[in-house]
Amino acid sequence: MYEKTFPNKRFKHTINFLKKHVSNKNAILDLGVENPFTEIMNNHGYTVENTKGEDLDIDTSSILNSKAEITTAFEIFEHLLSPFTVLKSLKSDKLVASVPLKLWFSKAYRSKTDMLDRHYHEFEDWQFDWLLEKAGWKIIDRKKWTNPTKKIGIRPILRWFTPRYYIVYAERF
């Protein structure tokens, strides 16, 4: 169902990458509140526990109390002031995480209606790799993809060939 609806490309790439690296027999802690992708993971047989919407920069109790074997973090680290602290506090030894990439032709995302919905970080791939490595993670696999739109203009054209999303599978070393 979601493979044919917005944001189909991101969800399709994300679930395929997750299935490549994570058995649905493993319990997952997904950083962030329940969302449409939580339902997709559940529909693919994954057992998913989400954090509760607490500010993970301040309160990591959901992370510390989780018994999940795998942690997923899909487009959440860019919202944190200190993703390093969260990455260090994870109890699992395996991580699948994605971030939107910084686009040289577009400003960082900031919602005009939700004061909490903003990106403190928009990473280049090497920056996210460095953050993970510094926090004790070894990247095993990675993938990027574009996010084209059907709008007209220079920026929409650039989105056809400039990668927007970056996903990694990492293990703690």
Protein backbone atom coordinates (compact mmCIF):
# COMPACT_ATOMS: atom_id res chain seq x y z
CA MET A 1 0.00 0.00 0.00
CA TYR A 2 2.62 2.58 1.06
CA GLU A 3 4.85 1.66 -1.86
CA LYS A 4 2.38 3.50 -4.10
CA THR A 5 1.67 6.54 -1.94
CA PHE A 6 3.59 9.58 -0.72
CA PRO A 7 6.37 9.44 0.42
CA ASN A 8 6.66 6.17 -1.47
CA LYS A 9 10.27 6.38 -2.63
CA ARG A 10 11.69 7.08 0.84
CA PHE A 11 9.57 4.39 2.51
CA LYS A 12 10.34 1.85 -0.23
CA HIS A 13 14.11 2.42 -0.01
CA THR A 14 14.03 2.42 3.78
CA ILE A 15 12.10 -0.84 4.21
CA ASN A 16 14.22 -2.59 1.57
CA PHE A 17 17.42 -1.46 3.31
CA LEU A 18 16.06 -2.53 6.70
CA LYS A 19 15.03 -5.96 5.38
CA LYS A 20 18.51 -6.41 3.87
CA HIS A 21 20.20 -5.98 7.26
CA VAL A 22 17.69 -6.78 10.01
CA SER A 23 15.71 -9.94 10.57
CA ASN A 24 12.12 -9.39 11.60
CA LYS A 25 12.84 -11.77 14.49
CA ASN A 26 14.77 -8.98 16.24
CA ALA A 27 13.00 -6.43 18.45
CA ILE A 28 13.47 -2.84 17.29
CA LEU A 29 13.62 0.40 19.25
CA ASP A 30 12.64 3.13 16.80
CA LEU A 31 13.69 6.59 17.93
CA GLY A 32 10.73 8.94 17.60
CA VAL A 33 7.01 8.60 18.09
CA GLU A 34 4.84 6.13 16.21
CA ASN A 35 4.45 7.26 12.62
CA PRO A 36 3.39 5.84 9.24
CA PHE A 37 6.71 4.03 8.87
CA THR A 38 6.14 2.26 12.21
CA GLU A 39 3.04 0.72 10.62
CA ILE A 40 5.06 -0.32 7.56
CA MET A 41 7.64 -2.05 9.78
CA ASN A 42 4.85 -3.80 11.70
CA ASN A 43 3.25 -4.90 8.41
CA HIS A 44 6.60 -6.46 7.42
CA GLY A 45 6.63 -8.53 10.62
CA TYR A 46 8.90 -6.36 12.77
CA THR A 47 8.23 -5.86 16.48
CA VAL A 48 8.68 -2.14 17.02
CA GLU A 49 8.79 -0.09 20.21
CA ASN A 50 8.93 3.69 19.78
CA THR A 51 10.18 6.39 22.09
CA LYS A 52 7.36 8.47 23.55
CA GLY A 53 8.01 11.95 22.17
CA GLU A 54 10.32 13.03 24.98
CA ASP A 55 13.16 15.40 24.16
CA LEU A 56 15.96 12.88 23.57
CA ASP A 57 18.57 15.61 24.05
CA ILE A 58 17.45 15.74 27.70
CA ASP A 59 15.66 12.47 28.50
CA THR A 60 17.13 9.17 27.25
CA SER A 61 15.16 6.96 29.66
CA SER A 62 13.23 5.23 26.83
CA ILE A 63 16.56 4.31 25.25
CA LEU A 64 18.11 3.15 28.51
CA ASN A 65 15.05 1.08 29.48
CA SER A 66 14.67 -0.64 26.12
CA LYS A 67 15.61 -4.30 25.67
CA ALA A 68 15.48 -4.08 21.85
CA GLU A 69 18.32 -5.70 19.92
CA ILE A 70 18.27 -3.17 17.07
CA THR A 71 17.82 0.59 17.07
CA THR A 72 16.37 2.46 14.11
CA ALA A 73 16.43 6.21 13.67
CA PHE A 74 14.75 7.46 10.51
CA GLU A 75 15.10 11.21 10.01
CA ILE A 76 15.47 12.04 13.69
CA PHE A 77 19.13 12.95 14.30
CA GLU A 78 18.79 16.20 12.37
CA HIS A 79 16.21 17.35 14.96
CA LEU A 80 18.54 16.84 17.92
CA LEU A 81 20.97 19.38 19.28
CA SER A 82 23.27 16.57 20.41
CA PRO A 83 22.85 13.39 18.36
CA PHE A 84 26.26 12.25 19.70
CA THR A 85 24.81 11.87 23.21
CA VAL A 86 21.91 9.76 21.93
CA LEU A 87 24.20 7.59 19.79
CA LYS A 88 26.46 6.94 22.80
CA SER A 89 23.50 6.02 25.03
CA LEU A 90 22.05 3.34 22.70
CA LYS A 91 22.14 -0.11 24.30
CA SER A 92 21.79 -2.13 21.12
CA ASP A 93 24.81 -3.14 19.06
CA LYS A 94 23.14 -2.59 15.68
CA LEU A 95 21.77 0.60 14.17
CA VAL A 96 19.89 1.49 11.00
CA ALA A 97 19.66 5.26 10.63
CA SER A 98 18.78 7.71 7.90
CA VAL A 99 19.16 11.45 7.60
CA PRO A 100 18.22 14.02 5.00
CA LEU A 101 21.35 15.30 3.32
CA LYS A 102 22.31 18.95 3.24
CA LEU A 103 21.44 20.43 -0.13
CA TRP A 104 23.69 23.22 -1.33
CA PHE A 105 20.79 24.84 -3.17
CA SER A 106 18.27 24.81 -0.32
CA LYS A 107 18.17 26.21 3.22
CA ALA A 108 17.81 23.94 6.27
CA TYR A 109 14.24 22.83 6.95
CA ARG A 110 12.23 24.83 9.47
CA SER A 111 8.47 24.49 9.84
CA LYS A 112 6.50 27.72 9.77
CA THR A 113 3.71 26.26 11.92
CA ASP A 114 5.45 23.89 14.37
CA MET A 115 8.20 25.56 16.41
CA LEU A 116 9.67 22.16 17.38
CA ASP A 117 9.84 20.86 13.83
CA ARG A 118 13.19 22.13 12.60
CA HIS A 119 16.53 20.76 11.57
CA TYR A 120 19.43 21.70 13.79
CA HIS A 121 21.70 19.63 11.56
CA GLU A 122 21.54 18.79 7.89
CA PHE A 123 24.43 16.48 7.29
CA GLU A 124 26.72 15.80 4.42
CA ASP A 125 27.37 12.07 4.22
CA TRP A 126 30.94 12.37 5.55
CA GLN A 127 29.71 14.36 8.57
CA PHE A 128 27.16 11.72 9.52
CA ASP A 129 29.79 8.99 9.03
CA TRP A 130 32.19 10.89 11.27
CA LEU A 131 29.51 11.39 13.96
CA LEU A 132 28.73 7.67 13.97
CA GLU A 133 32.39 6.66 14.07
CA LYS A 134 33.16 9.11 16.88
CA ALA A 135 30.20 7.70 18.85
CA GLY A 136 31.58 4.15 18.52
CA TRP A 137 29.80 2.81 15.44
CA LYS A 138 31.29 1.11 12.38
CA ILE A 139 29.34 1.59 9.16
CA ILE A 140 28.79 -1.73 7.39
CA ASP A 141 26.57 -0.53 4.54
CA ARG A 142 25.25 2.76 3.20
CA LYS A 143 22.95 4.04 0.48
CA LYS A 144 21.77 7.40 -0.90
CA TRP A 145 18.81 8.31 -3.04
CA THR A 146 17.22 11.35 -4.64
CA ASN A 147 13.83 12.89 -3.92
CA PRO A 148 12.52 14.38 -7.16
CA THR A 149 9.36 16.45 -7.23
CA LYS A 150 6.93 17.18 -10.04
CA LYS A 151 7.36 20.94 -9.66
CA ILE A 152 8.94 23.21 -12.25
CA GLY A 153 12.09 25.22 -11.57
CA ILE A 154 15.82 24.99 -11.01
CA ARG A 155 15.65 23.42 -7.54
CA PRO A 156 13.13 20.74 -8.60
CA ILE A 157 15.42 19.84 -11.51
CA LEU A 158 18.42 19.62 -9.16
CA ARG A 159 16.43 17.24 -6.89
CA TRP A 160 16.27 14.73 -9.76
CA PHE A 161 19.99 13.97 -9.52
CA THR A 162 21.16 15.34 -6.15
CA PRO A 163 20.86 12.73 -3.36
CA ARG A 164 18.52 13.85 -0.55
CA TYR A 165 18.48 10.85 1.80
CA TYR A 166 21.31 8.84 3.30
CA ILE A 167 20.85 5.57 5.20
CA VAL A 168 23.40 3.44 7.01
CA TYR A 169 23.60 0.11 8.75
CA ALA A 170 26.18 0.27 11.56
CA GLU A 171 27.41 -1.97 14.33
CA ARG A 172 29.00 -0.91 17.59
CA PHE A 173 32.75 -1.51 17.77
